[in-house]
Amino acid sequence: MKVAFIGLGNMGLPMALNLLKAGYSVTGFDLVQSQVDVFSAAGGRAEESAASAVGDVDIVISMLPASRHVEGLYLGSDGILANASPTALLVDCSTISPKVAKDVSHAANARGFAMIDAPVSGGTAGAQAATLTFMVGGNVKDFERARPLLEKMGRNIFHAGGNGSGQTVKVCNNMLLGIQMLGTSEALRLGIANGMDPKVLSDIMTKSSGQNWALELYNPCPNVMENVPSSKNYAGGFGVDLMLKDLGLAVENARDLSASTPLGDLAHHLYELHSNAGNGTLDFSSVFNLTKVN
């Protein structure tokens, strides 16, 4: 089976490398030559454009930064819909607006293409270890067609519903995660202000009703937990600006639907403040410093 992978960034490159390791023939394209060089050195076939990469493949996978990039890649005059074989399955793993995901898939379907949205959770570590969670929206038959490849890149593969459902799940999940990290940080800061040892406090809350993923597996307080970004000066992990982008998608989606998300709105504002203070490239758990008691 021939695969084209468009977008060999921090997430896309390790995902493409895992497909190569699994024995797939993978053609790739990215605007950053150093990423392409790593892909080529691992046995991938680099192309000079997305159009030339998708011309003769069975499945096209894309992993791009934002909605506008996905629209341009698929709908542009020299894009995927204009150059891929109509029998190819299109799989977009970018995190984008649910509305854009639906619009692009409808345009693809109108041209005779099968398409699914398959955003991921698990970060760069999950991409490298092939333990990502895939949240897939689209036709069940198309989902099953893509499953063998997704299983080479991830551990948990979920079918969420029709086109756009994968993006909806991703937006909801990351909104909750952003809120959760803020709440966890506030609770830990309050305990510290009262003279508590943050590790003792974390251990107790982990076994109590306040238990959550951020507290148990990704503690935002430095030196409470080993091998997490907070104990590495908030390096690596999932960046503040990426969380801000995803919260922006949640706020945008809520406004489009007239849905009430006051905590999501507040979280978006707080991460925006944190980013504007020069912390955009740090891990999102660094929002712990935004909640510091003066």
Protein backbone atom coordinates (compact mmCIF):
# COMPACT_ATOMS: atom_id res chain seq x y z
CA MET A 1 0.00 0.00 0.00
CA LYS A 2 1.34 3.42 -0.98
CA VAL A 3 0.97 6.30 1.45
CA ALA A 4 1.57 10.04 1.04
CA PHE A 5 2.28 11.98 4.23
CA ILE A 6 1.93 15.76 3.95
CA GLY A 7 3.31 17.70 6.91
CA LEU A 8 6.48 16.27 8.45
CA GLY A 9 6.59 18.51 11.51
CA ASN A 10 7.09 17.61 15.16
CA MET A 11 4.07 15.30 15.07
CA GLY A 12 3.94 14.29 11.41
CA LEU A 13 7.55 13.19 11.07
CA PRO A 14 7.51 10.53 13.82
CA MET A 15 4.13 9.33 12.60
CA ALA A 16 5.48 8.92 9.07
CA LEU A 17 8.60 7.19 10.41
CA ASN A 18 6.41 4.67 12.23
CA LEU A 19 4.65 3.86 8.96
CA LEU A 20 8.03 3.30 7.33
CA LYS A 21 9.04 0.99 10.19
CA ALA A 22 5.81 -0.93 9.65
CA GLY A 23 6.80 -1.60 6.03
CA TYR A 24 4.63 0.90 4.19
CA SER A 25 5.90 2.74 1.13
CA VAL A 26 5.66 6.39 2.17
CA THR A 27 6.06 9.50 0.05
CA GLY A 28 6.37 12.75 1.98
CA PHE A 29 6.40 16.50 1.65
CA ASP A 30 7.13 19.37 4.01
CA LEU A 31 8.30 22.96 3.64
CA VAL A 32 11.13 22.46 6.16
CA GLN A 33 14.03 20.75 4.43
CA SER A 34 15.68 19.46 7.62
CA GLN A 35 12.52 17.48 8.43
CA VAL A 36 12.42 16.09 4.90
CA ASP A 37 16.06 15.05 5.20
CA VAL A 38 15.33 12.96 8.31
CA PHE A 39 12.38 11.37 6.52
CA SER A 40 14.51 10.55 3.47
CA ALA A 41 17.32 9.11 5.59
CA ALA A 42 14.81 6.69 7.13
CA GLY A 43 13.76 5.38 3.73
CA GLY A 44 10.94 7.73 2.79
CA ARG A 45 10.61 9.16 -0.71
CA ALA A 46 10.61 12.94 -0.65
CA GLU A 47 8.70 15.00 -3.21
CA GLU A 48 9.01 18.67 -4.12
CA SER A 49 5.31 19.45 -3.64
CA ALA A 50 2.16 18.07 -2.10
CA ALA A 51 0.67 17.72 -5.58
CA SER A 52 3.47 15.46 -6.79
CA ALA A 53 3.43 13.46 -3.54
CA VAL A 54 -0.23 12.41 -3.79
CA GLY A 55 -0.50 11.52 -7.46
CA ASP A 56 -0.18 7.75 -7.21
CA VAL A 57 -0.99 6.62 -3.65
CA ASP A 58 -3.71 4.67 -1.90
CA ILE A 59 -3.95 6.83 1.21
CA VAL A 60 -3.11 10.50 1.82
CA ILE A 61 -2.41 11.58 5.42
CA SER A 62 -2.02 15.22 6.37
CA MET A 63 -0.80 16.79 9.62
CA LEU A 64 -0.85 20.58 9.36
CA PRO A 65 -0.85 23.49 11.85
CA ALA A 66 -4.26 25.12 11.36
CA SER A 67 -7.59 25.22 9.51
CA ARG A 68 -6.37 27.61 6.80
CA HIS A 69 -3.50 25.28 5.93
CA VAL A 70 -5.85 22.32 5.57
CA GLU A 71 -8.24 24.31 3.38
CA GLY A 72 -5.37 25.42 1.18
CA LEU A 73 -3.88 21.94 0.92
CA TYR A 74 -7.10 20.19 -0.04
CA LEU A 75 -9.11 22.86 -1.86
CA GLY A 76 -6.40 24.86 -3.62
CA SER A 77 -6.06 24.78 -7.40
CA ASP A 78 -2.88 22.73 -7.02
CA GLY A 79 -4.10 20.85 -3.97
CA ILE A 80 -4.92 17.29 -3.06
CA LEU A 81 -8.42 17.15 -4.56
CA ALA A 82 -7.02 18.36 -7.86
CA ASN A 83 -4.14 15.88 -7.98
CA ALA A 84 -4.82 12.70 -5.98
CA SER A 85 -6.35 9.57 -7.44
CA PRO A 86 -10.12 9.61 -6.73
CA THR A 87 -9.74 6.11 -5.27
CA ALA A 88 -7.37 7.39 -2.56
CA LEU A 89 -8.60 7.64 1.03
CA LEU A 90 -7.92 11.07 2.54
CA VAL A 91 -7.05 11.22 6.24
CA ASP A 92 -6.53 14.59 7.92
CA CYS A 93 -4.86 14.31 11.33
CA SER A 94 -4.53 18.07 11.90
CA THR A 95 -6.38 19.73 14.76
CA ILE A 96 -8.75 22.19 13.10
CA SER A 97 -12.23 23.67 13.34
CA PRO A 98 -15.02 21.06 13.20
CA LYS A 99 -16.78 23.30 10.68
CA VAL A 100 -13.76 23.39 8.38
CA ALA A 101 -13.37 19.61 8.72
CA LYS A 102 -16.96 19.16 7.58
CA ASP A 103 -16.61 21.66 4.74
CA VAL A 104 -13.43 20.04 3.40
CA SER A 105 -14.84 16.51 3.65
CA HIS A 106 -18.03 17.59 1.86
CA ALA A 107 -15.93 19.10 -0.93
CA ALA A 108 -13.90 15.88 -1.10
CA ASN A 109 -17.04 13.73 -1.20
CA ALA A 110 -18.45 15.89 -4.00
CA ARG A 111 -15.32 15.09 -6.02
CA GLY A 112 -15.72 11.36 -5.35
CA PHE A 113 -13.16 11.06 -2.54
CA ALA A 114 -13.59 9.21 0.74
CA MET A 115 -12.30 11.34 3.64
CA ILE A 116 -12.05 11.11 7.42
CA ASP A 117 -10.84 13.54 10.07
CA ALA A 118 -8.52 11.84 12.57
CA PRO A 119 -6.97 14.30 15.05
CA VAL A 120 -4.71 12.84 17.71
CA SER A 121 -3.93 13.11 21.40
CA GLY A 122 -0.66 12.10 23.01
CA GLY A 123 1.83 14.75 21.93
CA THR A 124 5.25 14.25 20.41
CA ALA A 125 6.11 11.48 22.88
CA GLY A 126 3.03 9.54 21.80
CA ALA A 127 3.85 10.15 18.14
CA GLN A 128 7.36 8.80 18.62
CA ALA A 129 6.22 5.77 20.63
CA ALA A 130 3.24 5.03 18.33
CA THR A 131 0.86 5.30 21.29
CA LEU A 132 -1.34 8.13 20.03
CA THR A 133 -5.09 8.23 20.51
CA PHE A 134 -6.98 8.80 17.25
CA MET A 135 -10.44 10.41 17.33
CA VAL A 136 -11.98 9.67 13.94
CA GLY A 137 -14.94 11.23 12.20
CA GLY A 138 -16.32 9.84 8.95
CA ASN A 139 -17.99 6.87 7.31
CA VAL A 140 -17.51 3.58 9.22
CA LYS A 141 -16.25 1.81 6.09
CA ASP A 142 -13.65 4.51 5.52
CA PHE A 143 -12.68 4.34 9.20
CA GLU A 144 -12.08 0.60 8.94
CA ARG A 145 -10.06 1.10 5.78
CA ALA A 146 -7.77 3.50 7.62
CA ARG A 147 -7.56 1.50 10.85
CA PRO A 148 -4.54 -0.69 9.91
CA LEU A 149 -2.41 2.41 9.31
CA LEU A 150 -3.71 4.23 12.37
CA GLU A 151 -2.83 1.22 14.50
CA LYS A 152 0.80 1.54 13.38
CA MET A 153 0.85 5.10 14.74
CA GLY A 154 -1.41 4.84 17.77
CA ARG A 155 -2.73 2.62 20.52
CA ASN A 156 -6.33 3.82 20.97
CA ILE A 157 -8.41 4.19 17.81
CA PHE A 158 -11.95 5.56 18.27
CA HIS A 159 -14.72 6.14 15.74
CA ALA A 160 -16.57 9.22 17.02
CA GLY A 161 -19.26 9.58 14.34
CA GLY A 162 -19.69 11.36 11.02
CA ASN A 163 -17.30 13.82 9.38
CA GLY A 164 -16.19 16.52 11.82
CA SER A 165 -16.87 14.36 14.88
CA GLY A 166 -13.20 13.62 15.40
CA GLN A 167 -12.44 17.33 15.52
CA THR A 168 -15.35 17.92 17.87
CA VAL A 169 -14.01 15.34 20.32
CA LYS A 170 -10.51 16.84 20.09
CA VAL A 171 -11.81 20.37 20.75
CA CYS A 172 -13.87 19.21 23.75
CA ASN A 173 -11.02 17.11 25.16
CA ASN A 174 -8.43 19.87 24.95
CA MET A 175 -10.79 22.48 26.36
CA LEU A 176 -11.30 20.22 29.36
CA LEU A 177 -7.55 19.59 29.65
CA GLY A 178 -6.78 23.32 29.62
CA ILE A 179 -9.38 24.00 32.32
CA GLN A 180 -8.17 21.01 34.32
CA MET A 181 -4.56 22.21 34.30
CA LEU A 182 -5.58 25.66 35.51
CA GLY A 183 -7.69 24.21 38.33
CA THR A 184 -4.92 21.83 39.37
CA SER A 185 -2.39 24.67 39.40
CA GLU A 186 -4.65 26.89 41.50
CA ALA A 187 -5.26 24.13 44.04
CA LEU A 188 -1.56 23.39 44.37
CA ARG A 189 -0.71 27.08 44.70
CA LEU A 190 -3.32 27.50 47.44
CA GLY A 191 -1.86 24.55 49.34
CA ILE A 192 1.68 25.92 48.98
CA ALA A 193 0.50 29.33 50.26
CA ASN A 194 -0.75 27.49 53.34
CA GLY A 195 2.66 25.91 53.88
CA MET A 196 1.84 22.49 52.41
CA ASP A 197 4.43 20.29 50.73
CA PRO A 198 3.12 20.13 47.11
CA LYS A 199 4.09 16.45 46.81
CA VAL A 200 2.16 15.50 49.93
CA LEU A 201 -0.80 17.57 48.76
CA SER A 202 -0.65 15.97 45.31
CA ASP A 203 -0.48 12.45 46.74
CA ILE A 204 -3.54 13.05 48.91
CA MET A 205 -5.62 14.74 46.19
CA THR A 206 -4.71 11.98 43.74
CA LYS A 207 -6.44 9.53 46.07
CA SER A 208 -9.37 11.88 46.66
CA SER A 209 -12.23 13.35 44.64
CA GLY A 210 -9.94 15.98 43.12
CA GLN A 211 -7.98 13.31 41.25
CA ASN A 212 -7.40 14.12 37.57
CA TRP A 213 -4.97 13.44 34.71
CA ALA A 214 -2.95 16.62 35.20
CA LEU A 215 -2.50 15.92 38.90
CA GLU A 216 -1.70 12.23 38.57
CA LEU A 217 0.39 12.04 35.39
CA TYR A 218 1.50 15.59 34.45
CA ASN A 219 1.92 17.49 37.70
CA PRO A 220 2.52 21.20 36.96
CA CYS A 221 4.51 21.88 40.13
CA PRO A 222 8.29 21.51 39.66
CA ASN A 223 10.03 18.57 41.34
CA VAL A 224 6.84 16.84 42.45
CA MET A 225 7.06 14.30 39.65
CA GLU A 226 10.01 13.11 37.58
CA ASN A 227 10.14 13.09 33.78
CA VAL A 228 7.42 15.67 33.23
CA PRO A 229 7.96 19.14 31.71
CA SER A 230 7.48 20.98 35.02
CA SER A 231 10.62 19.29 36.36
CA LYS A 232 12.55 20.19 33.20
CA ASN A 233 11.96 23.95 33.24
CA TYR A 234 8.74 23.31 31.30
CA ALA A 235 10.66 22.22 28.21
CA GLY A 236 9.09 19.85 25.68
CA GLY A 237 5.58 18.51 25.95
CA PHE A 238 2.55 20.43 24.63
CA GLY A 239 3.25 24.12 24.12
CA VAL A 240 1.25 27.00 25.58
CA ASP A 241 0.58 28.37 22.10
CA LEU A 242 -0.75 24.99 20.96
CA MET A 243 -3.13 24.89 23.92
CA LEU A 244 -4.12 28.48 23.16
CA LYS A 245 -4.85 27.50 19.56
CA ASP A 246 -7.04 24.57 20.64
CA LEU A 247 -8.91 26.67 23.20
CA GLY A 248 -9.46 29.22 20.45
CA LEU A 249 -11.04 26.50 18.31
CA ALA A 250 -13.30 25.56 21.24
CA VAL A 251 -14.37 29.17 21.80
CA GLU A 252 -14.98 29.65 18.06
CA ASN A 253 -17.00 26.44 17.84
CA ALA A 254 -19.08 27.39 20.89
CA ARG A 255 -19.87 30.79 19.43
CA ASP A 256 -20.87 29.27 16.09
CA LEU A 257 -23.34 27.03 17.92
CA SER A 258 -24.42 29.58 20.58
CA ALA A 259 -23.19 27.11 23.21
CA SER A 260 -22.23 28.34 26.67
CA THR A 261 -18.58 27.69 27.66
CA PRO A 262 -17.73 30.29 30.33
CA LEU A 263 -14.85 28.24 31.75
CA GLY A 264 -13.52 27.60 28.26
CA ASP A 265 -13.64 31.33 27.55
CA LEU A 266 -11.83 32.11 30.80
CA ALA A 267 -9.21 29.44 30.17
CA HIS A 268 -8.59 30.86 26.69
CA HIS A 269 -8.09 34.33 28.19
CA LEU A 270 -5.68 33.07 30.88
CA TYR A 271 -3.54 31.08 28.44
CA GLU A 272 -3.51 34.12 26.17
CA LEU A 273 -2.17 36.25 29.05
CA HIS A 274 0.45 33.58 29.76
CA SER A 275 1.51 33.42 26.11
CA ASN A 276 1.67 37.19 25.75
CA ALA A 277 4.03 37.27 28.73
CA GLY A 278 6.57 35.37 26.63
CA ASN A 279 5.73 31.79 27.60
CA GLY A 280 4.26 30.55 24.33
CA THR A 281 6.93 27.94 23.63
CA LEU A 282 6.91 26.47 27.16
CA ASP A 283 4.81 23.45 28.05
CA PHE A 284 1.22 24.34 28.87
CA SER A 285 1.67 23.16 32.47
CA SER A 286 3.80 26.29 32.95
CA VAL A 287 0.47 28.06 33.51
CA PHE A 288 1.23 26.98 37.09
CA ASN A 289 3.37 30.14 37.24
CA LEU A 290 0.44 32.30 36.14
CA THR A 291 -1.46 31.18 39.26
CA LYS A 292 1.36 32.11 41.64
CA VAL A 293 0.16 33.78 44.83
CA ASN A 294 1.92 37.15 45.34
